[in-house]
Amino acid sequence: MEKKITKGKILDIISWVLVLAIFATSLTLLITRKSKGTIAIFGNRYDVVLSGSMSYKNEEHLDFLNGHDDQIQKMDVVRSQVVDKNSDLNVYDIVLFRDTYGRTNMHRIVDKRAQSQDEINLQEATISEDRIVLANHNSAIYTNAISFTTVEVTFVSKSETFSDGYYFSFAGLAQEYDLKTNPHGDMYEHKITITKKSTAPVKFVIVHNKAFEYASEQIINFKMNAYNGEISINGKSFPEGSEQLVTNVIYEYMIRGDAAKTEDGWFNYESIYSKVNKIIPKAGYFVSYITSIPGIIMLIGLGLIIIGVDFGVDYFSKREKKKQLTDNTIEIRQENNDEEK
């Protein structure tokens, strides 16, 4: 037999959900108060703007800021997306960052430049579809100084036997390697694996160390487990007509407040917390109150009032039912007495 959900039960459920929401909000606000007005939710953070450094355009930079009218006023709330080294940060983006004094600040990116990058270079090599061919004795593959732990070079050839005709070096020192050979269609795959014991940046070079039929072995994949991101390339990875591939570019950013005349300085991605993607005007007044001790007490008090009202309603409802049951019992007894007479 199905139990009916009464209106009273529905109200009980709603009131307890509301109470739990209020207490959860109160806890969040206490944490926010401890973090000085910052709330982080699902990769977004919400901050109250406490200064006017982004509130107007400095006359010295009117030309640069022409068309960028997204100034932020004191006591606005900003929502920002947490960033990492792979995030796309560009000039004119407004970011939250750790300034030179170790404080959290919010200003605009006004310039960017490459701080480091990984480079793969070809020398007198040819590209055949997706394959790199070290076609003559002077052919080579070399990198700039890269921090990495392992490198894998995969050759294919028609011969099951690898030529062992290459010199693999870190910083000019020849390296030993592991070799695994497996069938690859109607050819054979020869995978060279070299492990580096330290993470210090070094140049990696592949050149020939003896004469053989150079074009008989072709590289189908060059892979490095690099600190700034994995490198995995083949012939198609190189721009057309170019013998250099630049990857894992790490930028640093010049930052300045719109109202400021001078820049804060250059900062790398590790100093940048998040990128602003929404502004809520003047919401900081509400957030400041609701995160204050009186505001939190008010919320907790509201939750306690709801609990008190709920218990009160339940108490009087049960009392009324008990009274009605007693009255019905007396009435039945009276009817029975009348029948006996």
C-alpha atoms as a PDB file:
ATOM      1  CA  MET A   1       0.000   0.000   0.000  1.00  0.00           C
ATOM      2  CA  GLU A   2       1.476   3.349  -1.068  1.00  0.00           C
ATOM      3  CA  LYS A   3       1.990   5.978   1.583  1.00  0.00           C
ATOM      4  CA  LYS A   4       0.711   9.420   0.728  1.00  0.00           C
ATOM      5  CA  ILE A   5       3.077  12.328   1.210  1.00  0.00           C
ATOM      6  CA  THR A   6       1.140  14.902   3.161  1.00  0.00           C
ATOM      7  CA  LYS A   7       1.448  18.651   2.820  1.00  0.00           C
ATOM      8  CA  GLY A   8       3.042  18.731   6.274  1.00  0.00           C
ATOM      9  CA  LYS A   9       5.769  16.290   5.209  1.00  0.00           C
ATOM     10  CA  ILE A  10       6.528  18.390   2.122  1.00  0.00           C
ATOM     11  CA  LEU A  11       6.855  21.503   4.289  1.00  0.00           C
ATOM     12  CA  ASP A  12       9.162  19.605   6.675  1.00  0.00           C
ATOM     13  CA  ILE A  13      11.424  18.546   3.809  1.00  0.00           C
ATOM     14  CA  ILE A  14      11.539  22.083   2.369  1.00  0.00           C
ATOM     15  CA  SER A  15      12.300  23.637   5.760  1.00  0.00           C
ATOM     16  CA  TRP A  16      15.143  21.204   6.529  1.00  0.00           C
ATOM     17  CA  VAL A  17      16.676  21.653   3.064  1.00  0.00           C
ATOM     18  CA  LEU A  18      16.516  25.406   3.634  1.00  0.00           C
ATOM     19  CA  VAL A  19      18.125  25.085   7.068  1.00  0.00           C
ATOM     20  CA  LEU A  20      20.950  22.905   5.720  1.00  0.00           C
ATOM     21  CA  ALA A  21      21.514  25.423   2.900  1.00  0.00           C
ATOM     22  CA  ILE A  22      21.667  28.292   5.398  1.00  0.00           C
ATOM     23  CA  PHE A  23      24.140  26.505   7.669  1.00  0.00           C
ATOM     24  CA  ALA A  24      26.285  25.428   4.681  1.00  0.00           C
ATOM     25  CA  THR A  25      26.290  29.039   3.468  1.00  0.00           C
ATOM     26  CA  SER A  26      27.256  30.234   6.954  1.00  0.00           C
ATOM     27  CA  LEU A  27      30.182  27.797   7.006  1.00  0.00           C
ATOM     28  CA  THR A  28      31.264  28.958   3.538  1.00  0.00           C
ATOM     29  CA  LEU A  29      31.095  32.570   4.662  1.00  0.00           C
ATOM     30  CA  LEU A  30      33.219  31.819   7.720  1.00  0.00           C
ATOM     31  CA  ILE A  31      35.835  30.257   5.428  1.00  0.00           C
ATOM     32  CA  THR A  32      35.510  33.252   3.093  1.00  0.00           C
ATOM     33  CA  ARG A  33      36.026  35.611   6.005  1.00  0.00           C
ATOM     34  CA  LYS A  34      39.206  33.751   6.932  1.00  0.00           C
ATOM     35  CA  SER A  35      40.421  34.003   3.304  1.00  0.00           C
ATOM     36  CA  LYS A  36      39.708  37.756   3.309  1.00  0.00           C
ATOM     37  CA  GLY A  37      36.745  37.827   0.939  1.00  0.00           C
ATOM     38  CA  THR A  38      37.699  35.147  -1.569  1.00  0.00           C
ATOM     39  CA  ILE A  39      35.372  32.273  -2.488  1.00  0.00           C
ATOM     40  CA  ALA A  40      36.560  29.446  -4.773  1.00  0.00           C
ATOM     41  CA  ILE A  41      33.911  27.249  -6.434  1.00  0.00           C
ATOM     42  CA  PHE A  42      34.570  24.680  -9.214  1.00  0.00           C
ATOM     43  CA  GLY A  43      37.656  26.428 -10.598  1.00  0.00           C
ATOM     44  CA  ASN A  44      36.179  29.922 -10.256  1.00  0.00           C
ATOM     45  CA  ARG A  45      36.951  32.407  -7.535  1.00  0.00           C
ATOM     46  CA  TYR A  46      34.909  35.389  -6.416  1.00  0.00           C
ATOM     47  CA  ASP A  47      36.635  38.432  -4.958  1.00  0.00           C
ATOM     48  CA  VAL A  48      35.533  41.782  -3.582  1.00  0.00           C
ATOM     49  CA  VAL A  49      37.465  44.684  -5.131  1.00  0.00           C
ATOM     50  CA  LEU A  50      38.957  46.764  -2.332  1.00  0.00           C
ATOM     51  CA  SER A  51      40.857  49.464  -4.254  1.00  0.00           C
ATOM     52  CA  GLY A  52      40.323  51.839  -7.153  1.00  0.00           C
ATOM     53  CA  SER A  53      43.443  50.904  -9.139  1.00  0.00           C
ATOM     54  CA  MET A  54      41.273  49.639 -12.033  1.00  0.00           C
ATOM     55  CA  SER A  55      38.477  52.225 -11.689  1.00  0.00           C
ATOM     56  CA  TYR A  56      39.539  54.708 -14.403  1.00  0.00           C
ATOM     57  CA  LYS A  57      42.022  55.181 -17.238  1.00  0.00           C
ATOM     58  CA  ASN A  58      45.263  56.987 -16.486  1.00  0.00           C
ATOM     59  CA  GLU A  59      45.837  59.810 -18.971  1.00  0.00           C
ATOM     60  CA  GLU A  60      49.267  58.396 -19.820  1.00  0.00           C
ATOM     61  CA  HIS A  61      47.667  55.235 -21.263  1.00  0.00           C
ATOM     62  CA  LEU A  62      44.483  56.482 -22.948  1.00  0.00           C
ATOM     63  CA  ASP A  63      45.666  55.373 -26.399  1.00  0.00           C
ATOM     64  CA  PHE A  64      46.543  51.885 -25.166  1.00  0.00           C
ATOM     65  CA  LEU A  65      43.185  51.504 -23.387  1.00  0.00           C
ATOM     66  CA  ASN A  66      41.119  52.916 -26.235  1.00  0.00           C
ATOM     67  CA  GLY A  67      38.080  50.654 -26.677  1.00  0.00           C
ATOM     68  CA  HIS A  68      38.692  48.814 -23.406  1.00  0.00           C
ATOM     69  CA  ASP A  69      36.036  50.246 -21.121  1.00  0.00           C
ATOM     70  CA  ASP A  70      35.807  47.334 -18.680  1.00  0.00           C
ATOM     71  CA  GLN A  71      37.102  49.321 -15.707  1.00  0.00           C
ATOM     72  CA  ILE A  72      36.300  47.860 -12.290  1.00  0.00           C
ATOM     73  CA  GLN A  73      35.115  49.942  -9.363  1.00  0.00           C
ATOM     74  CA  LYS A  74      35.778  49.579  -5.668  1.00  0.00           C
ATOM     75  CA  MET A  75      33.290  47.194  -3.984  1.00  0.00           C
ATOM     76  CA  ASP A  76      32.483  45.389  -7.246  1.00  0.00           C
ATOM     77  CA  VAL A  77      32.677  41.584  -7.125  1.00  0.00           C
ATOM     78  CA  VAL A  78      34.734  39.866  -9.831  1.00  0.00           C
ATOM     79  CA  ARG A  79      34.459  36.262 -10.924  1.00  0.00           C
ATOM     80  CA  SER A  80      37.676  34.806 -12.330  1.00  0.00           C
ATOM     81  CA  GLN A  81      38.771  31.482 -13.803  1.00  0.00           C
ATOM     82  CA  VAL A  82      41.755  29.800 -12.148  1.00  0.00           C
ATOM     83  CA  VAL A  83      44.687  29.514 -14.607  1.00  0.00           C
ATOM     84  CA  ASP A  84      47.743  27.306 -15.083  1.00  0.00           C
ATOM     85  CA  LYS A  85      50.694  27.210 -17.489  1.00  0.00           C
ATOM     86  CA  ASN A  86      48.461  25.983 -20.332  1.00  0.00           C
ATOM     87  CA  SER A  87      45.926  28.802 -19.970  1.00  0.00           C
ATOM     88  CA  ASP A  88      45.555  31.331 -22.778  1.00  0.00           C
ATOM     89  CA  LEU A  89      46.527  34.703 -21.317  1.00  0.00           C
ATOM     90  CA  ASN A  90      46.809  37.745 -23.559  1.00  0.00           C
ATOM     91  CA  VAL A  91      47.336  41.491 -23.534  1.00  0.00           C
ATOM     92  CA  TYR A  92      44.257  43.331 -22.133  1.00  0.00           C
ATOM     93  CA  ASP A  93      43.201  40.383 -19.948  1.00  0.00           C
ATOM     94  CA  ILE A  94      42.512  41.388 -16.342  1.00  0.00           C
ATOM     95  CA  VAL A  95      44.107  38.967 -13.886  1.00  0.00           C
ATOM     96  CA  LEU A  96      44.480  38.351 -10.177  1.00  0.00           C
ATOM     97  CA  PHE A  97      48.128  37.862  -9.293  1.00  0.00           C
ATOM     98  CA  ARG A  98      50.678  37.832  -6.480  1.00  0.00           C
ATOM     99  CA  ASP A  99      52.476  41.166  -6.625  1.00  0.00           C
ATOM    100  CA  THR A 100      56.074  41.891  -5.621  1.00  0.00           C
ATOM    101  CA  TYR A 101      54.956  42.422  -2.010  1.00  0.00           C
ATOM    102  CA  GLY A 102      53.272  39.012  -1.842  1.00  0.00           C
ATOM    103  CA  ARG A 103      49.765  40.505  -1.863  1.00  0.00           C
ATOM    104  CA  THR A 104      46.859  39.446  -4.068  1.00  0.00           C
ATOM    105  CA  ASN A 105      46.231  42.213  -6.602  1.00  0.00           C
ATOM    106  CA  MET A 106      44.071  42.652  -9.715  1.00  0.00           C
ATOM    107  CA  HIS A 107      45.416  44.517 -12.764  1.00  0.00           C
ATOM    108  CA  ARG A 108      45.604  44.244 -16.561  1.00  0.00           C
ATOM    109  CA  ILE A 109      48.162  42.463 -18.745  1.00  0.00           C
ATOM    110  CA  VAL A 110      49.765  45.143 -20.928  1.00  0.00           C
ATOM    111  CA  ASP A 111      52.515  43.094 -22.605  1.00  0.00           C
ATOM    112  CA  LYS A 112      53.751  39.498 -22.935  1.00  0.00           C
ATOM    113  CA  ARG A 113      56.960  37.838 -24.042  1.00  0.00           C
ATOM    114  CA  ALA A 114      58.386  34.332 -24.247  1.00  0.00           C
ATOM    115  CA  GLN A 115      60.272  33.423 -21.095  1.00  0.00           C
ATOM    116  CA  SER A 116      61.297  29.977 -22.341  1.00  0.00           C
ATOM    117  CA  GLN A 117      60.491  27.586 -25.165  1.00  0.00           C
ATOM    118  CA  ASP A 118      61.451  24.155 -26.432  1.00  0.00           C
ATOM    119  CA  GLU A 119      62.954  23.990 -29.936  1.00  0.00           C
ATOM    120  CA  ILE A 120      63.414  20.982 -32.232  1.00  0.00           C
ATOM    121  CA  ASN A 121      65.711  21.689 -35.190  1.00  0.00           C
ATOM    122  CA  LEU A 122      66.495  19.761 -38.351  1.00  0.00           C
ATOM    123  CA  GLN A 123      69.795  19.999 -40.216  1.00  0.00           C
ATOM    124  CA  GLU A 124      69.995  18.872 -43.837  1.00  0.00           C
ATOM    125  CA  ALA A 125      67.099  16.514 -43.205  1.00  0.00           C
ATOM    126  CA  THR A 126      64.193  15.808 -45.533  1.00  0.00           C
ATOM    127  CA  ILE A 127      60.539  15.260 -44.731  1.00  0.00           C
ATOM    128  CA  SER A 128      58.601  12.544 -46.526  1.00  0.00           C
ATOM    129  CA  GLU A 129      54.919  12.764 -45.569  1.00  0.00           C
ATOM    130  CA  ASP A 130      55.003  12.186 -41.796  1.00  0.00           C
ATOM    131  CA  ARG A 131      58.576  10.867 -41.714  1.00  0.00           C
ATOM    132  CA  ILE A 132      61.874  12.606 -40.993  1.00  0.00           C
ATOM    133  CA  VAL A 133      64.802  11.303 -43.041  1.00  0.00           C
ATOM    134  CA  LEU A 134      68.406  12.027 -42.030  1.00  0.00           C
ATOM    135  CA  ALA A 135      69.372  11.605 -45.647  1.00  0.00           C
ATOM    136  CA  ASN A 136      73.132  12.355 -45.646  1.00  0.00           C
ATOM    137  CA  HIS A 137      76.178  12.260 -43.397  1.00  0.00           C
ATOM    138  CA  ASN A 138      75.682  15.861 -42.186  1.00  0.00           C
ATOM    139  CA  SER A 139      72.003  15.401 -41.327  1.00  0.00           C
ATOM    140  CA  ALA A 140      71.032  15.941 -37.697  1.00  0.00           C
ATOM    141  CA  ILE A 141      68.244  16.604 -35.221  1.00  0.00           C
ATOM    142  CA  TYR A 142      69.085  18.857 -32.298  1.00  0.00           C
ATOM    143  CA  THR A 143      67.267  20.772 -29.586  1.00  0.00           C
ATOM    144  CA  ASN A 144      67.943  23.823 -27.489  1.00  0.00           C
ATOM    145  CA  ALA A 145      68.627  23.288 -23.782  1.00  0.00           C
ATOM    146  CA  ILE A 146      65.539  21.411 -22.561  1.00  0.00           C
ATOM    147  CA  SER A 147      64.714  19.962 -19.153  1.00  0.00           C
ATOM    148  CA  PHE A 148      63.486  16.396 -19.715  1.00  0.00           C
ATOM    149  CA  THR A 149      63.721  12.879 -18.280  1.00  0.00           C
ATOM    150  CA  THR A 150      63.355  10.518 -21.243  1.00  0.00           C
ATOM    151  CA  VAL A 151      63.566  10.654 -25.007  1.00  0.00           C
ATOM    152  CA  GLU A 152      62.208   8.126 -27.501  1.00  0.00           C
ATOM    153  CA  VAL A 153      63.089   8.021 -31.194  1.00  0.00           C
ATOM    154  CA  THR A 154      61.180   5.556 -33.357  1.00  0.00           C
ATOM    155  CA  PHE A 155      62.657   4.524 -36.722  1.00  0.00           C
ATOM    156  CA  VAL A 156      61.135   2.277 -39.384  1.00  0.00           C
ATOM    157  CA  SER A 157      63.059   0.257 -41.950  1.00  0.00           C
ATOM    158  CA  LYS A 158      62.708  -2.795 -44.152  1.00  0.00           C
ATOM    159  CA  SER A 159      65.431  -4.572 -42.216  1.00  0.00           C
ATOM    160  CA  GLU A 160      64.768  -6.375 -38.945  1.00  0.00           C
ATOM    161  CA  THR A 161      68.280  -5.384 -37.860  1.00  0.00           C
ATOM    162  CA  PHE A 162      68.851  -1.817 -36.692  1.00  0.00           C
ATOM    163  CA  SER A 163      71.915  -0.156 -38.202  1.00  0.00           C
ATOM    164  CA  ASP A 164      73.217   1.288 -34.907  1.00  0.00           C
ATOM    165  CA  GLY A 165      74.508   4.110 -37.082  1.00  0.00           C
ATOM    166  CA  TYR A 166      73.638   7.071 -34.813  1.00  0.00           C
ATOM    167  CA  TYR A 167      75.276   9.119 -32.119  1.00  0.00           C
ATOM    168  CA  PHE A 168      72.794  10.207 -29.422  1.00  0.00           C
ATOM    169  CA  SER A 169      74.214  12.827 -27.071  1.00  0.00           C
ATOM    170  CA  PHE A 170      73.290  15.015 -24.102  1.00  0.00           C
ATOM    171  CA  ALA A 171      75.452  18.129 -23.869  1.00  0.00           C
ATOM    172  CA  GLY A 172      77.963  16.524 -26.239  1.00  0.00           C
ATOM    173  CA  LEU A 173      78.256  13.252 -24.285  1.00  0.00           C
ATOM    174  CA  ALA A 174      77.280  10.017 -26.045  1.00  0.00           C
ATOM    175  CA  GLN A 175      74.413   8.127 -24.387  1.00  0.00           C
ATOM    176  CA  GLU A 176      73.568   4.457 -24.178  1.00  0.00           C
ATOM    177  CA  TYR A 177      70.086   3.437 -25.215  1.00  0.00           C
ATOM    178  CA  ASP A 178      67.550   0.629 -25.038  1.00  0.00           C
ATOM    179  CA  LEU A 179      66.363  -0.834 -28.345  1.00  0.00           C
ATOM    180  CA  LYS A 180      63.108  -2.655 -29.070  1.00  0.00           C
ATOM    181  CA  THR A 181      62.285  -3.951 -32.551  1.00  0.00           C
ATOM    182  CA  ASN A 182      58.772  -4.977 -33.600  1.00  0.00           C
ATOM    183  CA  PRO A 183      56.967  -5.611 -36.903  1.00  0.00           C
ATOM    184  CA  HIS A 184      55.368  -2.497 -38.408  1.00  0.00           C
ATOM    185  CA  GLY A 185      53.181  -3.527 -41.355  1.00  0.00           C
ATOM    186  CA  ASP A 186      55.541  -4.846 -43.999  1.00  0.00           C
ATOM    187  CA  MET A 187      58.456  -3.090 -42.254  1.00  0.00           C
ATOM    188  CA  TYR A 188      60.081  -3.070 -38.813  1.00  0.00           C
ATOM    189  CA  GLU A 189      59.890  -0.514 -36.025  1.00  0.00           C
ATOM    190  CA  HIS A 190      63.040   0.264 -34.007  1.00  0.00           C
ATOM    191  CA  LYS A 191      62.306   2.223 -30.818  1.00  0.00           C
ATOM    192  CA  ILE A 192      65.256   3.892 -29.122  1.00  0.00           C
ATOM    193  CA  THR A 193      64.732   4.900 -25.462  1.00  0.00           C
ATOM    194  CA  ILE A 194      67.245   7.006 -23.518  1.00  0.00           C
ATOM    195  CA  THR A 195      66.782   7.904 -19.864  1.00  0.00           C
ATOM    196  CA  LYS A 196      68.309  11.041 -18.392  1.00  0.00           C
ATOM    197  CA  LYS A 197      69.385  10.877 -14.748  1.00  0.00           C
ATOM    198  CA  SER A 198      68.972  14.591 -13.963  1.00  0.00           C
ATOM    199  CA  THR A 199      66.410  17.236 -14.916  1.00  0.00           C
ATOM    200  CA  ALA A 200      69.047  19.876 -15.707  1.00  0.00           C
ATOM    201  CA  PRO A 201      68.398  21.480 -19.138  1.00  0.00           C
ATOM    202  CA  VAL A 202      70.687  20.089 -21.858  1.00  0.00           C
ATOM    203  CA  LYS A 203      70.874  20.004 -25.648  1.00  0.00           C
ATOM    204  CA  PHE A 204      69.977  16.683 -27.233  1.00  0.00           C
ATOM    205  CA  VAL A 205      71.556  15.777 -30.594  1.00  0.00           C
ATOM    206  CA  ILE A 206      71.156  12.932 -33.108  1.00  0.00           C
ATOM    207  CA  VAL A 207      73.846  12.604 -35.808  1.00  0.00           C
ATOM    208  CA  HIS A 208      75.289   9.744 -37.846  1.00  0.00           C
ATOM    209  CA  ASN A 209      78.359   7.956 -36.480  1.00  0.00           C
ATOM    210  CA  LYS A 210      79.089   5.758 -39.497  1.00  0.00           C
ATOM    211  CA  ALA A 211      78.313   5.427 -43.157  1.00  0.00           C
ATOM    212  CA  PHE A 212      75.367   3.267 -44.259  1.00  0.00           C
ATOM    213  CA  GLU A 213      72.335   3.661 -46.510  1.00  0.00           C
ATOM    214  CA  TYR A 214      71.003   6.640 -44.546  1.00  0.00           C
ATOM    215  CA  ALA A 215      67.561   6.863 -46.181  1.00  0.00           C
ATOM    216  CA  SER A 216      66.838   3.217 -45.327  1.00  0.00           C
ATOM    217  CA  GLU A 217      65.833   4.236 -41.777  1.00  0.00           C
ATOM    218  CA  GLN A 218      63.226   6.935 -41.280  1.00  0.00           C
ATOM    219  CA  ILE A 219      61.966   8.571 -38.085  1.00  0.00           C
ATOM    220  CA  ILE A 220      58.198   8.293 -37.557  1.00  0.00           C
ATOM    221  CA  ASN A 221      58.115   9.722 -34.023  1.00  0.00           C
ATOM    222  CA  PHE A 222      60.336  11.841 -31.798  1.00  0.00           C
ATOM    223  CA  LYS A 223      59.142  12.029 -28.199  1.00  0.00           C
ATOM    224  CA  MET A 224      60.504  13.809 -25.111  1.00  0.00           C
ATOM    225  CA  ASN A 225      59.086  13.804 -21.611  1.00  0.00           C
ATOM    226  CA  ALA A 226      59.908  17.484 -21.100  1.00  0.00           C
ATOM    227  CA  TYR A 227      59.344  19.560 -17.965  1.00  0.00           C
ATOM    228  CA  ASN A 228      57.216  22.163 -19.773  1.00  0.00           C
ATOM    229  CA  GLY A 229      55.044  19.547 -21.506  1.00  0.00           C
ATOM    230  CA  GLU A 230      55.385  16.346 -23.491  1.00  0.00           C
ATOM    231  CA  ILE A 231      56.843  16.671 -26.987  1.00  0.00           C
ATOM    232  CA  SER A 232      55.624  14.112 -29.530  1.00  0.00           C
ATOM    233  CA  ILE A 233      56.262  15.006 -33.182  1.00  0.00           C
ATOM    234  CA  ASN A 234      56.798  13.626 -36.660  1.00  0.00           C
ATOM    235  CA  GLY A 235      57.436  15.152 -40.083  1.00  0.00           C
ATOM    236  CA  LYS A 236      53.979  16.736 -40.258  1.00  0.00           C
ATOM    237  CA  SER A 237      54.619  18.689 -37.071  1.00  0.00           C
ATOM    238  CA  PHE A 238      57.073  21.076 -38.755  1.00  0.00           C
ATOM    239  CA  PRO A 239      55.689  24.191 -40.475  1.00  0.00           C
ATOM    240  CA  GLU A 240      55.926  23.899 -44.239  1.00  0.00           C
ATOM    241  CA  GLY A 241      59.365  24.942 -45.482  1.00  0.00           C
ATOM    242  CA  SER A 242      60.751  25.264 -41.939  1.00  0.00           C
ATOM    243  CA  GLU A 243      63.430  23.209 -40.212  1.00  0.00           C
ATOM    244  CA  GLN A 244      62.498  24.418 -36.743  1.00  0.00           C
ATOM    245  CA  LEU A 245      59.579  23.575 -34.498  1.00  0.00           C
ATOM    246  CA  VAL A 246      58.907  25.753 -31.440  1.00  0.00           C
ATOM    247  CA  THR A 247      56.701  24.270 -28.722  1.00  0.00           C
ATOM    248  CA  ASN A 248      55.985  24.527 -24.977  1.00  0.00           C
ATOM    249  CA  VAL A 249      56.317  28.297 -25.006  1.00  0.00           C
ATOM    250  CA  ILE A 250      56.169  29.702 -21.464  1.00  0.00           C
ATOM    251  CA  TYR A 251      55.310  33.391 -21.309  1.00  0.00           C
ATOM    252  CA  GLU A 252      55.809  36.131 -18.782  1.00  0.00           C
ATOM    253  CA  TYR A 253      53.497  39.116 -18.541  1.00  0.00           C
ATOM    254  CA  MET A 254      53.814  42.837 -17.897  1.00  0.00           C
ATOM    255  CA  ILE A 255      50.968  43.937 -15.609  1.00  0.00           C
ATOM    256  CA  ARG A 256      49.616  47.407 -14.751  1.00  0.00           C
ATOM    257  CA  GLY A 257      46.541  48.905 -13.147  1.00  0.00           C
ATOM    258  CA  ASP A 258      44.408  51.058 -15.485  1.00  0.00           C
ATOM    259  CA  ALA A 259      44.602  53.983 -13.051  1.00  0.00           C
ATOM    260  CA  ALA A 260      48.359  53.597 -12.542  1.00  0.00           C
ATOM    261  CA  LYS A 261      51.076  55.410 -14.454  1.00  0.00           C
ATOM    262  CA  THR A 262      53.775  52.779 -13.977  1.00  0.00           C
ATOM    263  CA  GLU A 263      53.812  49.000 -14.402  1.00  0.00           C
ATOM    264  CA  ASP A 264      53.908  46.454 -11.603  1.00  0.00           C
ATOM    265  CA  GLY A 265      56.624  44.509 -13.438  1.00  0.00           C
ATOM    266  CA  TRP A 266      57.023  41.211 -15.294  1.00  0.00           C
ATOM    267  CA  PHE A 267      55.303  38.132 -13.817  1.00  0.00           C
ATOM    268  CA  ASN A 268      55.318  34.481 -14.885  1.00  0.00           C
ATOM    269  CA  TYR A 269      52.245  32.234 -14.915  1.00  0.00           C
ATOM    270  CA  GLU A 270      53.102  30.901 -11.450  1.00  0.00           C
ATOM    271  CA  SER A 271      52.391  34.375 -10.021  1.00  0.00           C
ATOM    272  CA  ILE A 272      49.001  34.628 -11.729  1.00  0.00           C
ATOM    273  CA  TYR A 273      46.027  33.088  -9.932  1.00  0.00           C
ATOM    274  CA  SER A 274      43.088  33.656 -12.285  1.00  0.00           C
ATOM    275  CA  LYS A 275      41.614  35.618 -15.210  1.00  0.00           C
ATOM    276  CA  VAL A 276      38.584  37.857 -14.674  1.00  0.00           C
ATOM    277  CA  ASN A 277      35.554  36.828 -16.760  1.00  0.00           C
ATOM    278  CA  LYS A 278      32.653  38.600 -15.034  1.00  0.00           C
ATOM    279  CA  ILE A 279      32.075  41.781 -13.038  1.00  0.00           C
ATOM    280  CA  ILE A 280      29.138  42.163 -10.619  1.00  0.00           C
ATOM    281  CA  PRO A 281      28.798  45.908  -9.872  1.00  0.00           C
ATOM    282  CA  LYS A 282      28.675  46.948  -6.199  1.00  0.00           C
ATOM    283  CA  ALA A 283      27.880  43.415  -4.993  1.00  0.00           C
ATOM    284  CA  GLY A 284      30.791  43.803  -2.612  1.00  0.00           C
ATOM    285  CA  TYR A 285      28.623  45.729  -0.161  1.00  0.00           C
ATOM    286  CA  PHE A 286      26.312  42.749   0.236  1.00  0.00           C
ATOM    287  CA  VAL A 287      29.230  40.280   0.362  1.00  0.00           C
ATOM    288  CA  SER A 288      31.034  42.434   2.945  1.00  0.00           C
ATOM    289  CA  TYR A 289      27.970  42.455   5.183  1.00  0.00           C
ATOM    290  CA  ILE A 290      27.027  38.825   4.745  1.00  0.00           C
ATOM    291  CA  THR A 291      30.633  37.751   5.497  1.00  0.00           C
ATOM    292  CA  SER A 292      30.792  39.980   8.587  1.00  0.00           C
ATOM    293  CA  ILE A 293      30.141  38.583  12.068  1.00  0.00           C
ATOM    294  CA  PRO A 294      26.682  40.278  12.271  1.00  0.00           C
ATOM    295  CA  GLY A 295      25.754  38.910   8.820  1.00  0.00           C
ATOM    296  CA  ILE A 296      26.804  35.359   9.688  1.00  0.00           C
ATOM    297  CA  ILE A 297      24.963  35.580  13.046  1.00  0.00           C
ATOM    298  CA  MET A 298      21.868  36.777  11.174  1.00  0.00           C
ATOM    299  CA  LEU A 299      21.992  33.745   8.854  1.00  0.00           C
ATOM    300  CA  ILE A 300      22.527  31.296  11.715  1.00  0.00           C
ATOM    301  CA  GLY A 301      19.675  32.986  13.621  1.00  0.00           C
ATOM    302  CA  LEU A 302      17.405  32.638  10.595  1.00  0.00           C
ATOM    303  CA  GLY A 303      18.195  28.908  10.468  1.00  0.00           C
ATOM    304  CA  LEU A 304      17.435  28.514  14.166  1.00  0.00           C
ATOM    305  CA  ILE A 305      14.134  30.405  13.748  1.00  0.00           C
ATOM    306  CA  ILE A 306      13.109  28.038  10.937  1.00  0.00           C
ATOM    307  CA  ILE A 307      13.976  25.036  13.124  1.00  0.00           C
ATOM    308  CA  GLY A 308      12.008  26.530  16.029  1.00  0.00           C
ATOM    309  CA  VAL A 309       8.976  27.229  13.858  1.00  0.00           C
ATOM    310  CA  ASP A 310       9.121  23.719  12.403  1.00  0.00           C
ATOM    311  CA  PHE A 311       9.233  22.105  15.858  1.00  0.00           C
ATOM    312  CA  GLY A 312       6.467  24.426  17.051  1.00  0.00           C
ATOM    313  CA  VAL A 313       4.195  23.540  14.150  1.00  0.00           C
ATOM    314  CA  ASP A 314       4.868  19.814  14.722  1.00  0.00           C
ATOM    315  CA  TYR A 315       4.163  20.165  18.465  1.00  0.00           C
ATOM    316  CA  PHE A 316       0.822  21.966  18.056  1.00  0.00           C
ATOM    317  CA  SER A 317      -0.175  19.668  15.187  1.00  0.00           C
ATOM    318  CA  LYS A 318       0.401  16.556  17.356  1.00  0.00           C
ATOM    319  CA  ARG A 319      -1.390  18.222  20.283  1.00  0.00           C
ATOM    320  CA  GLU A 320      -4.404  19.013  18.101  1.00  0.00           C
ATOM    321  CA  LYS A 321      -4.508  15.443  16.777  1.00  0.00           C
ATOM    322  CA  LYS A 322      -4.309  14.053  20.325  1.00  0.00           C
ATOM    323  CA  LYS A 323      -7.136  16.366  21.458  1.00  0.00           C
ATOM    324  CA  GLN A 324      -9.253  15.366  18.463  1.00  0.00           C
ATOM    325  CA  LEU A 325      -8.630  11.677  19.199  1.00  0.00           C
ATOM    326  CA  THR A 326      -9.650  12.186  22.851  1.00  0.00           C
ATOM    327  CA  ASP A 327     -12.822  14.016  21.830  1.00  0.00           C
ATOM    328  CA  ASN A 328     -13.708  11.240  19.367  1.00  0.00           C
ATOM    329  CA  THR A 329     -13.182   8.597  22.087  1.00  0.00           C
ATOM    330  CA  ILE A 330     -15.460  10.467  24.540  1.00  0.00           C
ATOM    331  CA  GLU A 331     -18.094  10.828  21.838  1.00  0.00           C
ATOM    332  CA  ILE A 332     -18.011   7.087  21.035  1.00  0.00           C
ATOM    333  CA  ARG A 333     -18.350   6.197  24.739  1.00  0.00           C
ATOM    334  CA  GLN A 334     -21.307   8.561  25.081  1.00  0.00           C
ATOM    335  CA  GLU A 335     -23.020   6.926  22.099  1.00  0.00           C
ATOM    336  CA  ASN A 336     -22.448   3.456  23.594  1.00  0.00           C
ATOM    337  CA  ASN A 337     -23.939   4.555  26.951  1.00  0.00           C
ATOM    338  CA  ASP A 338     -26.975   5.969  25.171  1.00  0.00           C
ATOM    339  CA  GLU A 339     -27.496   2.660  23.307  1.00  0.00           C
ATOM    340  CA  GLU A 340     -27.271   0.635  26.551  1.00  0.00           C
ATOM    341  CA  LYS A 341     -30.022   2.754  28.127  1.00  0.00           C
END
